[in-house]
N, C-alpha and C. Protein backbone atom coordinates (compact mmCIF):
# COMPACT_ATOMS: atom_id res chain seq x y z
N UNK A 1 0.82 -1.23 0.01
CA UNK A 1 -0.01 0.06 -0.14
C UNK A 1 0.82 1.32 -0.10
N UNK A 2 1.78 1.28 0.81
CA UNK A 2 2.65 2.64 1.08
C UNK A 2 3.14 2.90 -0.28
N UNK A 3 3.95 2.16 -0.98
CA UNK A 3 4.66 2.44 -2.23
C UNK A 3 3.53 2.96 -3.27
N UNK A 4 2.55 2.14 -3.28
CA UNK A 4 1.55 2.75 -4.44
C UNK A 4 0.87 3.93 -4.09
N UNK A 5 0.42 4.05 -2.80
CA UNK A 5 -0.17 5.30 -2.35
C UNK A 5 0.65 6.51 -2.42
N UNK A 6 1.70 6.42 -1.70
CA UNK A 6 2.61 7.47 -1.44
C UNK A 6 3.32 7.93 -2.65
N UNK A 7 3.52 7.33 -3.77
CA UNK A 7 4.21 7.61 -5.06
C UNK A 7 3.21 8.12 -6.09
N UNK A 8 1.93 8.18 -5.77
CA UNK A 8 1.07 8.73 -6.72
C UNK A 8 1.28 10.20 -7.09
N UNK A 9 0.96 10.47 -8.43
CA UNK A 9 1.25 11.90 -8.68
C UNK A 9 0.07 12.77 -8.05
N UNK A 10 0.18 14.02 -7.88
CA UNK A 10 -0.68 14.99 -7.48
C UNK A 10 -0.51 15.61 -6.17
N UNK A 11 0.02 14.91 -5.23
CA UNK A 11 0.72 15.49 -4.02
C UNK A 11 2.00 15.02 -3.88
N UNK A 12 2.69 16.08 -3.28
CA UNK A 12 4.18 15.78 -2.94
C UNK A 12 4.26 14.98 -1.66
N UNK A 13 5.32 14.36 -1.19
CA UNK A 13 5.46 13.61 0.14
C UNK A 13 5.04 14.45 1.37
N UNK A 14 5.48 15.70 1.29
CA UNK A 14 5.09 16.64 2.53
C UNK A 14 3.69 16.78 2.66
N UNK A 15 2.93 17.17 1.61
CA UNK A 15 1.45 17.26 1.57
C UNK A 15 0.92 15.94 2.01
N UNK A 16 1.32 14.76 1.49
CA UNK A 16 0.71 13.53 1.93
C UNK A 16 0.96 13.24 3.44
N UNK A 17 2.03 13.70 3.94
CA UNK A 17 2.31 13.52 5.38
C UNK A 17 1.49 14.25 6.07
N UNK A 18 1.09 15.56 5.76
CA UNK A 18 0.22 16.46 6.44
C UNK A 18 -1.13 15.85 6.50
N UNK A 19 -1.62 15.26 5.50
CA UNK A 19 -2.90 14.71 5.23
C UNK A 19 -3.00 13.51 6.19
N UNK A 20 -1.99 12.66 6.10
CA UNK A 20 -1.71 11.42 6.93
C UNK A 20 -2.01 11.81 8.50
N UNK A 21 -1.14 12.83 8.87
CA UNK A 21 -1.20 13.15 10.29
C UNK A 21 -2.70 13.67 10.70
N UNK A 22 -3.41 14.46 9.77
CA UNK A 22 -4.64 14.77 10.14
C UNK A 22 -5.62 13.62 10.33
N UNK A 23 -5.37 12.61 9.49
CA UNK A 23 -6.30 11.47 9.52
C UNK A 23 -5.94 10.52 10.81
N UNK A 24 -4.64 10.57 11.12
CA UNK A 24 -4.23 9.82 12.49
C UNK A 24 -4.85 10.55 13.63
N UNK A 25 -4.81 11.87 13.62
CA UNK A 25 -5.43 12.72 14.80
C UNK A 25 -7.00 12.32 14.87
N UNK A 26 -7.57 12.32 13.70
CA UNK A 26 -8.98 12.03 13.85
C UNK A 26 -9.31 10.71 14.33
N UNK A 27 -8.49 9.78 14.21
CA UNK A 27 -8.66 8.32 14.64
C UNK A 27 -7.91 7.98 15.99
N UNK A 28 -7.18 9.10 16.46
CA UNK A 28 -6.32 8.90 17.74
C UNK A 28 -5.61 7.62 17.55
N UNK A 29 -4.91 7.59 16.57
CA UNK A 29 -4.03 6.22 16.02
C UNK A 29 -2.75 6.36 16.82
N UNK A 30 -2.26 5.11 17.14
CA UNK A 30 -1.01 5.07 17.95
C UNK A 30 0.16 5.25 16.78
N UNK A 31 0.13 4.99 15.61
CA UNK A 31 1.14 5.25 14.64
C UNK A 31 1.49 6.76 14.45
N UNK A 32 0.85 7.53 15.25
CA UNK A 32 0.96 9.02 15.05
C UNK A 32 2.35 9.45 15.26
N UNK A 33 2.95 8.89 16.29
CA UNK A 33 4.43 9.44 16.63
C UNK A 33 5.34 9.02 15.47
N UNK A 34 5.27 7.73 14.93
CA UNK A 34 5.94 7.33 13.77
C UNK A 34 5.90 8.46 12.69
N UNK A 35 4.64 8.77 12.29
CA UNK A 35 4.44 9.74 11.24
C UNK A 35 4.96 11.06 11.65
N UNK A 36 4.86 11.48 12.85
CA UNK A 36 5.42 12.85 13.24
C UNK A 36 6.87 12.81 13.09
N UNK A 37 7.57 11.79 13.36
CA UNK A 37 9.11 11.67 13.32
C UNK A 37 9.28 11.98 11.67
N UNK A 38 8.56 11.25 10.86
CA UNK A 38 8.72 11.18 9.33
C UNK A 38 8.46 12.36 8.83
N UNK A 39 7.45 13.20 9.39
CA UNK A 39 6.93 14.45 8.82
C UNK A 39 8.19 15.38 9.12
N UNK A 40 8.64 15.40 10.36
CA UNK A 40 9.76 16.25 10.63
C UNK A 40 11.04 15.96 9.65
N UNK A 41 11.16 14.91 9.27
CA UNK A 41 12.39 14.60 8.55
C UNK A 41 12.02 15.02 7.09
N UNK A 42 10.83 15.35 6.64
CA UNK A 42 10.38 15.93 5.36
C UNK A 42 10.41 17.40 5.50
N UNK A 43 10.67 17.85 6.58
CA UNK A 43 10.80 19.44 6.62
C UNK A 43 9.52 20.10 7.24
N UNK A 44 8.49 19.24 7.86
CA UNK A 44 7.42 19.85 8.44
C UNK A 44 7.92 20.03 9.79
N UNK A 45 7.73 21.37 10.20
CA UNK A 45 8.21 21.81 11.57
C UNK A 45 7.12 21.43 12.55
N UNK A 46 7.72 21.32 13.75
CA UNK A 46 6.81 21.03 14.94
C UNK A 46 5.69 21.95 15.14
N UNK A 47 5.97 23.14 14.84
CA UNK A 47 5.07 24.30 15.05
C UNK A 47 3.90 24.06 13.95
N UNK A 48 4.31 23.50 12.66
CA UNK A 48 3.27 23.31 11.70
C UNK A 48 2.29 22.09 12.29
N UNK A 49 3.07 21.04 12.76
CA UNK A 49 2.28 19.94 13.11
C UNK A 49 1.26 20.37 14.23
N UNK A 50 1.88 21.32 15.20
CA UNK A 50 0.93 21.78 16.27
C UNK A 50 -0.31 22.45 15.62
N UNK A 51 -0.11 23.17 14.59
CA UNK A 51 -1.18 23.85 13.94
C UNK A 51 -2.11 22.92 13.21
N UNK A 52 -1.67 21.83 12.73
CA UNK A 52 -2.51 20.88 12.15
C UNK A 52 -3.35 20.22 13.13
N UNK A 53 -2.72 19.96 14.42
CA UNK A 53 -3.49 19.40 15.52
C UNK A 53 -4.69 20.33 16.05
N UNK A 54 -4.35 21.65 16.06
CA UNK A 54 -5.28 22.57 16.49
C UNK A 54 -6.55 22.59 15.51
N UNK A 55 -6.14 22.66 14.14
CA UNK A 55 -7.11 22.74 13.17
C UNK A 55 -8.03 21.42 13.14
N UNK A 56 -7.39 20.21 13.35
CA UNK A 56 -8.16 19.08 13.29
C UNK A 56 -8.86 18.86 14.71
N UNK A 57 -8.52 19.44 15.77
CA UNK A 57 -9.06 19.13 16.99
C UNK A 57 -10.48 19.78 16.89
N UNK A 58 -10.75 20.90 16.38
CA UNK A 58 -12.04 21.44 16.32
C UNK A 58 -13.02 20.59 15.80
N UNK A 59 -12.60 19.69 14.71
CA UNK A 59 -13.57 18.67 14.12
C UNK A 59 -13.53 17.43 14.81
N UNK A 60 -12.36 16.95 15.43
CA UNK A 60 -12.25 15.81 15.91
C UNK A 60 -12.59 15.51 17.44
N UNK A 61 -12.59 16.70 18.05
CA UNK A 61 -12.78 16.63 19.54
C UNK A 61 -11.50 16.94 20.40
N UNK A 62 -11.75 17.44 21.54
CA UNK A 62 -10.50 17.78 22.34
C UNK A 62 -9.74 16.73 22.85
N UNK A 63 -10.35 15.49 23.25
CA UNK A 63 -9.54 14.44 23.64
C UNK A 63 -8.62 13.93 22.57
N UNK A 64 -9.01 13.97 21.46
CA UNK A 64 -8.12 13.46 20.21
C UNK A 64 -6.97 14.52 20.06
N UNK A 65 -7.32 15.75 20.10
CA UNK A 65 -6.22 16.78 20.03
C UNK A 65 -5.34 16.84 21.19
N UNK A 66 -5.76 16.66 22.27
CA UNK A 66 -4.83 16.46 23.42
C UNK A 66 -3.97 15.23 23.47
N UNK A 67 -4.46 14.10 22.93
CA UNK A 67 -3.60 13.07 22.76
C UNK A 67 -2.62 13.28 21.68
N UNK A 68 -2.99 13.91 20.53
CA UNK A 68 -2.00 14.30 19.51
C UNK A 68 -0.83 15.16 20.14
N UNK A 69 -1.29 16.14 20.93
CA UNK A 69 -0.25 17.13 21.46
C UNK A 69 0.67 16.38 22.37
N UNK A 70 0.21 15.32 23.11
CA UNK A 70 1.21 14.63 23.99
C UNK A 70 2.06 13.79 23.08
N UNK A 71 1.54 13.27 22.09
CA UNK A 71 2.47 12.50 20.99
C UNK A 71 3.56 13.44 20.45
N UNK A 72 3.25 14.61 20.05
CA UNK A 72 4.05 15.44 19.47
C UNK A 72 5.02 16.02 20.59
N UNK A 73 4.72 16.13 21.65
CA UNK A 73 5.58 16.67 22.73
C UNK A 73 6.58 15.57 22.96
N UNK A 74 6.12 14.15 22.99
CA UNK A 74 7.16 13.06 23.08
C UNK A 74 8.19 13.04 22.02
N UNK A 75 7.66 13.35 20.80
CA UNK A 75 8.62 13.20 19.54
C UNK A 75 9.62 14.60 19.75
N UNK A 76 9.05 15.68 20.13
CA UNK A 76 9.82 16.87 20.36
C UNK A 76 10.96 16.76 21.29
N UNK A 77 10.68 15.85 22.51
CA UNK A 77 11.63 15.74 23.52
C UNK A 77 12.88 14.87 23.08
N UNK A 78 12.54 13.94 21.96
CA UNK A 78 13.51 12.97 21.56
C UNK A 78 14.47 13.97 20.93
N UNK A 79 14.09 15.01 20.30
CA UNK A 79 15.22 16.04 19.50
C UNK A 79 15.58 17.16 20.42
N UNK A 80 14.89 17.27 21.49
CA UNK A 80 15.25 18.62 22.14
C UNK A 80 14.68 19.75 21.78
N UNK A 81 13.58 19.66 20.93
CA UNK A 81 13.04 20.84 20.38
C UNK A 81 11.79 21.41 21.38
N UNK A 82 11.59 22.68 21.21
CA UNK A 82 10.46 23.38 21.86
C UNK A 82 9.68 24.13 20.77
N UNK A 83 8.49 24.43 21.31
CA UNK A 83 7.67 25.23 20.43
C UNK A 83 7.96 26.69 20.27
N UNK A 84 7.77 27.23 19.09
CA UNK A 84 8.11 28.66 19.09
C UNK A 84 6.73 29.44 19.55
N UNK A 85 6.85 30.41 20.21
CA UNK A 85 5.69 31.21 20.77
C UNK A 85 4.71 31.37 19.61
N UNK A 86 3.41 31.51 20.05
CA UNK A 86 2.30 31.68 19.04
C UNK A 86 2.16 33.32 19.02
N UNK A 87 2.30 33.78 17.68
CA UNK A 87 2.13 35.23 17.63
C UNK A 87 1.07 35.53 16.79
N UNK A 88 0.07 36.26 17.26
CA UNK A 88 -1.09 36.57 16.53
C UNK A 88 -0.96 37.85 15.83
N UNK A 89 -1.39 37.86 14.50
CA UNK A 89 -1.19 39.20 13.74
C UNK A 89 -2.53 39.84 13.64
C-alpha cells in the first residue's frame, strides 16, 4: 500500500504526510508518533504539526487533539525541540 499510495502523482510527500497526520489525529491512532518523526524529516516543523492538530481538534474533539499534542511533545523531547511562541497578527 505505502509504495503505491505514497508515490501517486498529485501530492508531494510533504503534503501527503500532512494529510496522513490529520487522518491519524481524527482516529487517535498509535502510529501518529512514527508519522510525526517522518513528517519532521520531510521538513514539516513541529510548529506546523501543532497547527494541524489545532485545526483538526475543532472537528475531531478535544480528547483526540490533546492525545496528539502529547504524542508531538514526546517526539519533540527526542530531539530537544521546543515550540516557538504563538504570535497573533
